[in-house]
Amino acid sequence: SPYGSYRELRAQRMAIGDNYINGGTYSWDTGTIDANADLVVEGNVGIGTTTPGAAKLAIQNSGANGLIIHDTAQSGNYDIMTINSNQDENPAMAFLVMNSDIDGVSDREFSFASDGRGISDGGWMSPADYAEYFYSEDITLKPGELVSIAAENKVKRCEKGEVLIGIVSTKPGIVGIYADDVTDAAEEYERDPHYVKVALLGQVPVNVSVVNGVIKAGDQLTAGDKGAAVKGESPKSLFILALEDASEDGTIRVLVK
């Protein structure tokens, strides 16, 4: 360091850079530095490296965790990490990029673009089913129950003889939202108990009744009473195939296709 070496350096607030020397161009006293700031750095910062290059913050490590953010609060409504951009001309600009040579070529493996798209060279692992949000007047719908159309753009608990469209999802891997602004809609739907995630494809837990007979893996299921699936076929309904046996009323895993 041009100012010497320090084993320990303590300060209540610190500003580093030419403009901050001796309270020069910017200072807390004149109100030009945010009073909530504890550390202000002019220029680029390197952690674990002396050559940050053009990066505002460069972290280099070997064999250890590079960056850990640990939020100790147990309640509250706020973001742990936020990336803001004023980009309005290039939707392909990436918010977050991971480069790797895991496949023998040093290149980009995945990224999140500024328009919200996720792009990956590999696959994503998640719970099994694909679901979409639907509105229901009934806020008592529970995971595993069959649903049918109640009215325009609304669903209800499916009853015997009705055309079922899906199953209230227990733990969806992907949730589709029919909205112009998906992020705003997602926040609204998560808070509103009238919106339910309905599984339309994949492996899903479903409530079953054996009123039509014992269910065996491979049996086709259809709508029974009170949102439960029963043994039987319904050509107008969603195709549901039992993946597990059931000799009594309960919940089993099924395949929706």
C-alpha atoms as a PDB file:
ATOM      1  CA  SER A   1       0.000   0.000   0.000  1.00  0.00           C
ATOM      2  CA  PRO A   2       1.301   3.534  -0.715  1.00  0.00           C
ATOM      3  CA  TYR A   3       0.121   4.448   2.767  1.00  0.00           C
ATOM      4  CA  GLY A   4       1.847   1.554   4.575  1.00  0.00           C
ATOM      5  CA  SER A   5       0.849  -1.890   5.808  1.00  0.00           C
ATOM      6  CA  TYR A   6      -1.842  -2.468   8.419  1.00  0.00           C
ATOM      7  CA  ARG A   7      -2.571  -5.615  10.416  1.00  0.00           C
ATOM      8  CA  GLU A   8      -5.733  -4.040  11.785  1.00  0.00           C
ATOM      9  CA  LEU A   9      -7.632  -0.957  10.655  1.00  0.00           C
ATOM     10  CA  ARG A  10     -10.674   0.381  12.449  1.00  0.00           C
ATOM     11  CA  ALA A  11     -12.973   3.252  11.538  1.00  0.00           C
ATOM     12  CA  GLN A  12     -16.590   4.154  12.129  1.00  0.00           C
ATOM     13  CA  ARG A  13     -16.915   5.361   8.528  1.00  0.00           C
ATOM     14  CA  MET A  14     -14.389   5.287   5.737  1.00  0.00           C
ATOM     15  CA  ALA A  15     -14.094   6.812   2.266  1.00  0.00           C
ATOM     16  CA  ILE A  16     -11.271   5.709  -0.027  1.00  0.00           C
ATOM     17  CA  GLY A  17     -10.203   7.589  -3.161  1.00  0.00           C
ATOM     18  CA  ASP A  18      -8.675  10.849  -4.374  1.00  0.00           C
ATOM     19  CA  ASN A  19     -11.921  12.797  -4.052  1.00  0.00           C
ATOM     20  CA  TYR A  20     -12.208  11.960  -0.356  1.00  0.00           C
ATOM     21  CA  ILE A  21      -8.726  13.015   0.812  1.00  0.00           C
ATOM     22  CA  ASN A  22      -8.912  15.615   3.582  1.00  0.00           C
ATOM     23  CA  GLY A  23     -12.658  15.992   3.076  1.00  0.00           C
ATOM     24  CA  GLY A  24     -12.083  17.170  -0.499  1.00  0.00           C
ATOM     25  CA  THR A  25     -14.755  17.031  -3.195  1.00  0.00           C
ATOM     26  CA  TYR A  26     -17.079  14.704  -1.288  1.00  0.00           C
ATOM     27  CA  SER A  27     -17.601  14.317   2.438  1.00  0.00           C
ATOM     28  CA  TRP A  28     -20.190  13.368   5.026  1.00  0.00           C
ATOM     29  CA  ASP A  29     -19.952  16.840   6.537  1.00  0.00           C
ATOM     30  CA  THR A  30     -21.235  18.522   3.382  1.00  0.00           C
ATOM     31  CA  GLY A  31     -23.949  15.940   2.837  1.00  0.00           C
ATOM     32  CA  THR A  32     -22.526  14.753  -0.487  1.00  0.00           C
ATOM     33  CA  ILE A  33     -22.070  11.205   0.901  1.00  0.00           C
ATOM     34  CA  ASP A  34     -25.138   9.279   2.039  1.00  0.00           C
ATOM     35  CA  ALA A  35     -25.283   9.420   5.822  1.00  0.00           C
ATOM     36  CA  ASN A  36     -26.151   5.687   5.885  1.00  0.00           C
ATOM     37  CA  ALA A  37     -22.906   4.749   4.108  1.00  0.00           C
ATOM     38  CA  ASP A  38     -20.158   3.196   6.244  1.00  0.00           C
ATOM     39  CA  LEU A  39     -17.669   2.495   3.473  1.00  0.00           C
ATOM     40  CA  VAL A  40     -17.352   4.372   0.174  1.00  0.00           C
ATOM     41  CA  VAL A  41     -14.746   3.333  -2.379  1.00  0.00           C
ATOM     42  CA  GLU A  42     -13.832   5.319  -5.456  1.00  0.00           C
ATOM     43  CA  GLY A  43     -12.501   3.046  -8.188  1.00  0.00           C
ATOM     44  CA  ASN A  44     -12.222  -0.738  -8.430  1.00  0.00           C
ATOM     45  CA  VAL A  45     -11.796  -3.236  -5.579  1.00  0.00           C
ATOM     46  CA  GLY A  46      -9.935  -6.530  -5.619  1.00  0.00           C
ATOM     47  CA  ILE A  47     -10.403  -9.182  -2.908  1.00  0.00           C
ATOM     48  CA  GLY A  48      -7.857 -11.953  -3.137  1.00  0.00           C
ATOM     49  CA  THR A  49      -6.388 -10.308  -6.225  1.00  0.00           C
ATOM     50  CA  THR A  50      -4.302  -7.226  -6.975  1.00  0.00           C
ATOM     51  CA  THR A  51      -5.637  -6.980 -10.536  1.00  0.00           C
ATOM     52  CA  PRO A  52      -9.407  -6.359 -10.499  1.00  0.00           C
ATOM     53  CA  GLY A  53      -9.172  -4.930 -14.007  1.00  0.00           C
ATOM     54  CA  ALA A  54     -12.287  -3.121 -15.179  1.00  0.00           C
ATOM     55  CA  ALA A  55     -14.504  -4.841 -12.601  1.00  0.00           C
ATOM     56  CA  LYS A  56     -15.854  -2.689  -9.792  1.00  0.00           C
ATOM     57  CA  LEU A  57     -15.460  -5.705  -7.492  1.00  0.00           C
ATOM     58  CA  ALA A  58     -13.292  -8.730  -8.296  1.00  0.00           C
ATOM     59  CA  ILE A  59     -13.099 -11.698  -5.906  1.00  0.00           C
ATOM     60  CA  GLN A  60     -10.527 -14.426  -6.480  1.00  0.00           C
ATOM     61  CA  ASN A  61     -10.323 -17.503  -4.311  1.00  0.00           C
ATOM     62  CA  SER A  62      -8.979 -21.050  -4.406  1.00  0.00           C
ATOM     63  CA  GLY A  63     -10.443 -23.959  -2.495  1.00  0.00           C
ATOM     64  CA  ALA A  64     -12.736 -21.880  -0.291  1.00  0.00           C
ATOM     65  CA  ASN A  65     -16.103 -20.145  -0.368  1.00  0.00           C
ATOM     66  CA  GLY A  66     -15.814 -16.983  -2.424  1.00  0.00           C
ATOM     67  CA  LEU A  67     -18.871 -15.059  -1.252  1.00  0.00           C
ATOM     68  CA  ILE A  68     -21.409 -15.807   1.478  1.00  0.00           C
ATOM     69  CA  ILE A  69     -24.434 -13.665   2.304  1.00  0.00           C
ATOM     70  CA  HIS A  70     -26.003 -14.704   5.606  1.00  0.00           C
ATOM     71  CA  ASP A  71     -29.218 -12.974   6.610  1.00  0.00           C
ATOM     72  CA  THR A  72     -29.897 -13.578  10.310  1.00  0.00           C
ATOM     73  CA  ALA A  73     -33.315 -11.892  10.453  1.00  0.00           C
ATOM     74  CA  GLN A  74     -36.179 -14.336  11.009  1.00  0.00           C
ATOM     75  CA  SER A  75     -38.935 -12.115   9.654  1.00  0.00           C
ATOM     76  CA  GLY A  76     -39.447  -9.170   7.342  1.00  0.00           C
ATOM     77  CA  ASN A  77     -40.294  -8.413   3.738  1.00  0.00           C
ATOM     78  CA  TYR A  78     -37.175  -7.386   1.835  1.00  0.00           C
ATOM     79  CA  ASP A  79     -34.692  -8.624  -0.757  1.00  0.00           C
ATOM     80  CA  ILE A  80     -31.445 -10.296   0.339  1.00  0.00           C
ATOM     81  CA  MET A  81     -29.662  -9.402  -2.878  1.00  0.00           C
ATOM     82  CA  THR A  82     -30.763  -6.978  -5.587  1.00  0.00           C
ATOM     83  CA  ILE A  83     -29.308  -6.247  -9.026  1.00  0.00           C
ATOM     84  CA  ASN A  84     -30.692  -3.132 -10.714  1.00  0.00           C
ATOM     85  CA  SER A  85     -30.142  -2.077 -14.315  1.00  0.00           C
ATOM     86  CA  ASN A  86     -31.285   0.836 -16.458  1.00  0.00           C
ATOM     87  CA  GLN A  87     -30.744  -1.237 -19.600  1.00  0.00           C
ATOM     88  CA  ASP A  88     -33.622  -0.648 -22.029  1.00  0.00           C
ATOM     89  CA  GLU A  89     -32.116  -1.456 -25.411  1.00  0.00           C
ATOM     90  CA  ASN A  90     -30.435  -4.852 -25.064  1.00  0.00           C
ATOM     91  CA  PRO A  91     -32.669  -7.584 -23.576  1.00  0.00           C
ATOM     92  CA  ALA A  92     -29.834 -10.098 -24.002  1.00  0.00           C
ATOM     93  CA  MET A  93     -27.643  -8.272 -21.478  1.00  0.00           C
ATOM     94  CA  ALA A  94     -27.087 -10.650 -18.574  1.00  0.00           C
ATOM     95  CA  PHE A  95     -27.774  -9.844 -14.934  1.00  0.00           C
ATOM     96  CA  LEU A  96     -25.913 -12.937 -13.774  1.00  0.00           C
ATOM     97  CA  VAL A  97     -23.419 -15.142 -15.635  1.00  0.00           C
ATOM     98  CA  MET A  98     -21.553 -18.314 -14.678  1.00  0.00           C
ATOM     99  CA  ASN A  99     -18.540 -19.285 -16.773  1.00  0.00           C
ATOM    100  CA  SER A 100     -16.864 -22.673 -16.455  1.00  0.00           C
ATOM    101  CA  ASP A 101     -14.635 -25.124 -18.318  1.00  0.00           C
ATOM    102  CA  ILE A 102     -16.474 -28.146 -16.862  1.00  0.00           C
ATOM    103  CA  ASP A 103     -17.149 -29.422 -20.383  1.00  0.00           C
ATOM    104  CA  GLY A 104     -13.576 -28.841 -21.545  1.00  0.00           C
ATOM    105  CA  VAL A 105     -14.302 -25.440 -23.067  1.00  0.00           C
ATOM    106  CA  SER A 106     -14.129 -22.250 -21.024  1.00  0.00           C
ATOM    107  CA  ASP A 107     -17.420 -20.528 -21.837  1.00  0.00           C
ATOM    108  CA  ARG A 108     -20.738 -19.376 -20.419  1.00  0.00           C
ATOM    109  CA  GLU A 109     -22.721 -22.191 -18.782  1.00  0.00           C
ATOM    110  CA  PHE A 110     -25.788 -20.271 -17.666  1.00  0.00           C
ATOM    111  CA  SER A 111     -27.078 -16.734 -17.382  1.00  0.00           C
ATOM    112  CA  PHE A 112     -30.097 -14.673 -16.412  1.00  0.00           C
ATOM    113  CA  ALA A 113     -30.876 -12.033 -19.022  1.00  0.00           C
ATOM    114  CA  SER A 114     -32.161  -8.531 -18.246  1.00  0.00           C
ATOM    115  CA  ASP A 115     -35.592  -9.407 -19.682  1.00  0.00           C
ATOM    116  CA  GLY A 116     -36.016 -12.226 -17.146  1.00  0.00           C
ATOM    117  CA  ARG A 117     -35.026 -15.198 -19.318  1.00  0.00           C
ATOM    118  CA  GLY A 118     -32.867 -17.978 -17.885  1.00  0.00           C
ATOM    119  CA  ILE A 119     -30.438 -19.628 -20.322  1.00  0.00           C
ATOM    120  CA  SER A 120     -28.507 -22.798 -19.496  1.00  0.00           C
ATOM    121  CA  ASP A 121     -26.199 -25.286 -21.210  1.00  0.00           C
ATOM    122  CA  GLY A 122     -27.381 -27.983 -18.813  1.00  0.00           C
ATOM    123  CA  GLY A 123     -30.663 -29.051 -17.249  1.00  0.00           C
ATOM    124  CA  TRP A 124     -32.516 -27.719 -14.231  1.00  0.00           C
ATOM    125  CA  MET A 125     -33.584 -30.059 -11.434  1.00  0.00           C
ATOM    126  CA  SER A 126     -36.812 -29.315  -9.586  1.00  0.00           C
ATOM    127  CA  PRO A 127     -39.922 -31.024  -8.190  1.00  0.00           C
ATOM    128  CA  ALA A 128     -41.777 -33.071 -10.769  1.00  0.00           C
ATOM    129  CA  ASP A 129     -44.942 -31.342 -11.949  1.00  0.00           C
ATOM    130  CA  TYR A 130     -45.774 -28.367 -14.147  1.00  0.00           C
ATOM    131  CA  ALA A 131     -48.577 -26.224 -12.722  1.00  0.00           C
ATOM    132  CA  GLU A 132     -50.352 -22.974 -13.526  1.00  0.00           C
ATOM    133  CA  TYR A 133     -52.206 -20.478 -11.353  1.00  0.00           C
ATOM    134  CA  PHE A 134     -56.013 -20.499 -11.509  1.00  0.00           C
ATOM    135  CA  TYR A 135     -58.531 -18.379  -9.625  1.00  0.00           C
ATOM    136  CA  SER A 136     -61.084 -20.061  -7.355  1.00  0.00           C
ATOM    137  CA  GLU A 137     -63.901 -18.632  -5.264  1.00  0.00           C
ATOM    138  CA  ASP A 138     -63.286 -21.528  -2.872  1.00  0.00           C
ATOM    139  CA  ILE A 139     -60.264 -20.813  -0.655  1.00  0.00           C
ATOM    140  CA  THR A 140     -60.486 -24.266   0.999  1.00  0.00           C
ATOM    141  CA  LEU A 141     -58.996 -26.186  -1.952  1.00  0.00           C
ATOM    142  CA  LYS A 142     -56.167 -28.425  -0.757  1.00  0.00           C
ATOM    143  CA  PRO A 143     -53.184 -30.099  -2.483  1.00  0.00           C
ATOM    144  CA  GLY A 144     -54.145 -33.427  -4.020  1.00  0.00           C
ATOM    145  CA  GLU A 145     -57.721 -32.443  -4.903  1.00  0.00           C
ATOM    146  CA  LEU A 146     -59.066 -32.595  -8.456  1.00  0.00           C
ATOM    147  CA  VAL A 147     -60.422 -29.379  -9.968  1.00  0.00           C
ATOM    148  CA  SER A 148     -62.795 -28.564 -12.812  1.00  0.00           C
ATOM    149  CA  ILE A 149     -63.970 -25.368 -14.527  1.00  0.00           C
ATOM    150  CA  ALA A 150     -66.385 -23.374 -12.343  1.00  0.00           C
ATOM    151  CA  ALA A 151     -66.967 -20.360 -14.574  1.00  0.00           C
ATOM    152  CA  GLU A 152     -64.989 -18.177 -16.951  1.00  0.00           C
ATOM    153  CA  ASN A 153     -61.317 -18.316 -15.879  1.00  0.00           C
ATOM    154  CA  LYS A 154     -62.215 -19.966 -12.562  1.00  0.00           C
ATOM    155  CA  VAL A 155     -61.845 -23.463 -11.088  1.00  0.00           C
ATOM    156  CA  LYS A 156     -63.654 -25.427  -8.372  1.00  0.00           C
ATOM    157  CA  ARG A 157     -63.386 -28.738  -6.556  1.00  0.00           C
ATOM    158  CA  CYS A 158     -64.229 -31.417  -9.112  1.00  0.00           C
ATOM    159  CA  GLU A 159     -67.239 -33.664  -8.558  1.00  0.00           C
ATOM    160  CA  LYS A 160     -68.246 -36.964 -10.175  1.00  0.00           C
ATOM    161  CA  GLY A 161     -69.236 -36.582 -13.827  1.00  0.00           C
ATOM    162  CA  GLU A 162     -67.452 -33.250 -14.324  1.00  0.00           C
ATOM    163  CA  VAL A 163     -64.547 -32.718 -16.692  1.00  0.00           C
ATOM    164  CA  LEU A 164     -61.443 -32.438 -14.542  1.00  0.00           C
ATOM    165  CA  ILE A 165     -58.629 -30.179 -15.737  1.00  0.00           C
ATOM    166  CA  GLY A 166     -55.940 -30.787 -13.132  1.00  0.00           C
ATOM    167  CA  ILE A 167     -54.875 -31.464  -9.561  1.00  0.00           C
ATOM    168  CA  VAL A 168     -54.075 -28.894  -6.888  1.00  0.00           C
ATOM    169  CA  SER A 169     -50.291 -29.154  -6.797  1.00  0.00           C
ATOM    170  CA  THR A 170     -48.393 -30.120  -3.645  1.00  0.00           C
ATOM    171  CA  LYS A 171     -44.931 -28.939  -4.698  1.00  0.00           C
ATOM    172  CA  PRO A 172     -44.713 -27.769  -8.326  1.00  0.00           C
ATOM    173  CA  GLY A 173     -41.384 -27.630 -10.131  1.00  0.00           C
ATOM    174  CA  ILE A 174     -42.494 -24.969 -12.612  1.00  0.00           C
ATOM    175  CA  VAL A 175     -45.421 -22.575 -12.179  1.00  0.00           C
ATOM    176  CA  GLY A 176     -46.871 -20.857 -15.236  1.00  0.00           C
ATOM    177  CA  ILE A 177     -48.666 -17.519 -14.918  1.00  0.00           C
ATOM    178  CA  TYR A 178     -50.973 -16.066 -17.569  1.00  0.00           C
ATOM    179  CA  ALA A 179     -50.164 -12.362 -17.173  1.00  0.00           C
ATOM    180  CA  ASP A 180     -48.450  -9.514 -18.989  1.00  0.00           C
ATOM    181  CA  ASP A 181     -46.146  -8.847 -16.036  1.00  0.00           C
ATOM    182  CA  VAL A 182     -45.351 -12.226 -14.503  1.00  0.00           C
ATOM    183  CA  THR A 183     -43.231 -10.932 -11.596  1.00  0.00           C
ATOM    184  CA  ASP A 184     -45.941  -8.556 -10.371  1.00  0.00           C
ATOM    185  CA  ALA A 185     -48.631 -11.207 -10.831  1.00  0.00           C
ATOM    186  CA  ALA A 186     -46.565 -13.793  -8.948  1.00  0.00           C
ATOM    187  CA  GLU A 187     -46.325 -11.534  -5.896  1.00  0.00           C
ATOM    188  CA  GLU A 188     -50.071 -10.851  -6.026  1.00  0.00           C
ATOM    189  CA  TYR A 189     -51.072 -14.499  -6.496  1.00  0.00           C
ATOM    190  CA  GLU A 190     -48.797 -15.732  -3.694  1.00  0.00           C
ATOM    191  CA  ARG A 191     -50.587 -13.427  -1.250  1.00  0.00           C
ATOM    192  CA  ASP A 192     -54.125 -14.088  -2.509  1.00  0.00           C
ATOM    193  CA  PRO A 193     -55.625 -17.385  -1.200  1.00  0.00           C
ATOM    194  CA  HIS A 194     -58.067 -17.435  -4.140  1.00  0.00           C
ATOM    195  CA  TYR A 195     -55.253 -18.373  -6.521  1.00  0.00           C
ATOM    196  CA  VAL A 196     -54.255 -22.047  -6.547  1.00  0.00           C
ATOM    197  CA  LYS A 197     -51.459 -23.854  -8.371  1.00  0.00           C
ATOM    198  CA  VAL A 198     -53.054 -26.537 -10.518  1.00  0.00           C
ATOM    199  CA  ALA A 199     -50.812 -29.339 -11.789  1.00  0.00           C
ATOM    200  CA  LEU A 200     -51.355 -29.997 -15.497  1.00  0.00           C
ATOM    201  CA  LEU A 201     -48.439 -32.320 -16.272  1.00  0.00           C
ATOM    202  CA  GLY A 202     -46.029 -34.637 -14.477  1.00  0.00           C
ATOM    203  CA  GLN A 203     -45.970 -36.723 -11.302  1.00  0.00           C
ATOM    204  CA  VAL A 204     -48.358 -35.417  -8.655  1.00  0.00           C
ATOM    205  CA  PRO A 205     -49.818 -36.617  -5.337  1.00  0.00           C
ATOM    206  CA  VAL A 206     -53.610 -37.002  -5.603  1.00  0.00           C
ATOM    207  CA  ASN A 207     -56.353 -37.913  -3.155  1.00  0.00           C
ATOM    208  CA  VAL A 208     -58.060 -41.171  -4.113  1.00  0.00           C
ATOM    209  CA  SER A 209     -61.164 -43.123  -3.151  1.00  0.00           C
ATOM    210  CA  VAL A 210     -61.557 -46.887  -3.654  1.00  0.00           C
ATOM    211  CA  VAL A 211     -65.338 -46.632  -4.021  1.00  0.00           C
ATOM    212  CA  ASN A 212     -64.955 -47.924  -7.625  1.00  0.00           C
ATOM    213  CA  GLY A 213     -62.568 -50.701  -6.554  1.00  0.00           C
ATOM    214  CA  VAL A 214     -58.996 -51.195  -5.436  1.00  0.00           C
ATOM    215  CA  ILE A 215     -56.515 -49.123  -7.456  1.00  0.00           C
ATOM    216  CA  LYS A 216     -53.438 -50.733  -8.958  1.00  0.00           C
ATOM    217  CA  ALA A 217     -50.405 -49.044 -10.470  1.00  0.00           C
ATOM    218  CA  GLY A 218     -51.195 -48.596 -14.156  1.00  0.00           C
ATOM    219  CA  ASP A 219     -54.935 -48.030 -13.649  1.00  0.00           C
ATOM    220  CA  GLN A 220     -56.515 -44.997 -15.247  1.00  0.00           C
ATOM    221  CA  LEU A 221     -58.271 -42.655 -12.829  1.00  0.00           C
ATOM    222  CA  THR A 222     -61.127 -40.224 -13.192  1.00  0.00           C
ATOM    223  CA  ALA A 223     -63.128 -37.807 -11.045  1.00  0.00           C
ATOM    224  CA  GLY A 224     -65.067 -39.130  -8.068  1.00  0.00           C
ATOM    225  CA  ASP A 225     -66.827 -37.183  -5.349  1.00  0.00           C
ATOM    226  CA  LYS A 226     -65.410 -34.259  -3.335  1.00  0.00           C
ATOM    227  CA  GLY A 227     -62.266 -33.785  -5.411  1.00  0.00           C
ATOM    228  CA  ALA A 228     -61.001 -37.359  -5.075  1.00  0.00           C
ATOM    229  CA  ALA A 229     -59.858 -39.555  -7.953  1.00  0.00           C
ATOM    230  CA  VAL A 230     -61.399 -42.996  -8.498  1.00  0.00           C
ATOM    231  CA  LYS A 231     -60.700 -45.939 -10.754  1.00  0.00           C
ATOM    232  CA  GLY A 232     -62.253 -45.338 -14.172  1.00  0.00           C
ATOM    233  CA  GLU A 233     -61.912 -43.743 -17.575  1.00  0.00           C
ATOM    234  CA  SER A 234     -63.206 -40.424 -18.839  1.00  0.00           C
ATOM    235  CA  PRO A 235     -62.304 -39.599 -22.449  1.00  0.00           C
ATOM    236  CA  LYS A 236     -63.109 -35.892 -22.002  1.00  0.00           C
ATOM    237  CA  SER A 237     -60.902 -35.456 -18.953  1.00  0.00           C
ATOM    238  CA  LEU A 238     -57.232 -35.135 -18.228  1.00  0.00           C
ATOM    239  CA  PHE A 239     -55.396 -38.458 -18.493  1.00  0.00           C
ATOM    240  CA  ILE A 240     -54.359 -39.622 -15.001  1.00  0.00           C
ATOM    241  CA  LEU A 241     -52.452 -42.864 -14.513  1.00  0.00           C
ATOM    242  CA  ALA A 242     -51.889 -44.386 -11.071  1.00  0.00           C
ATOM    243  CA  LEU A 243     -48.217 -44.963 -10.216  1.00  0.00           C
ATOM    244  CA  GLU A 244     -48.980 -46.612  -6.886  1.00  0.00           C
ATOM    245  CA  ASP A 245     -51.532 -49.054  -5.486  1.00  0.00           C
ATOM    246  CA  ALA A 246     -54.361 -48.051  -3.141  1.00  0.00           C
ATOM    247  CA  SER A 247     -56.567 -50.468  -1.186  1.00  0.00           C
ATOM    248  CA  GLU A 248     -58.167 -47.708   0.892  1.00  0.00           C
ATOM    249  CA  ASP A 249     -58.925 -44.005   0.651  1.00  0.00           C
ATOM    250  CA  GLY A 250     -55.794 -41.863   0.855  1.00  0.00           C
ATOM    251  CA  THR A 251     -53.154 -40.203  -1.314  1.00  0.00           C
ATOM    252  CA  ILE A 252     -51.032 -41.823  -4.027  1.00  0.00           C
ATOM    253  CA  ARG A 253     -48.659 -40.627  -6.722  1.00  0.00           C
ATOM    254  CA  VAL A 254     -50.041 -40.372 -10.254  1.00  0.00           C
ATOM    255  CA  LEU A 255     -48.835 -39.335 -13.688  1.00  0.00           C
ATOM    256  CA  VAL A 256     -50.740 -36.523 -15.385  1.00  0.00           C
ATOM    257  CA  LYS A 257     -50.428 -36.298 -19.159  1.00  0.00           C
END
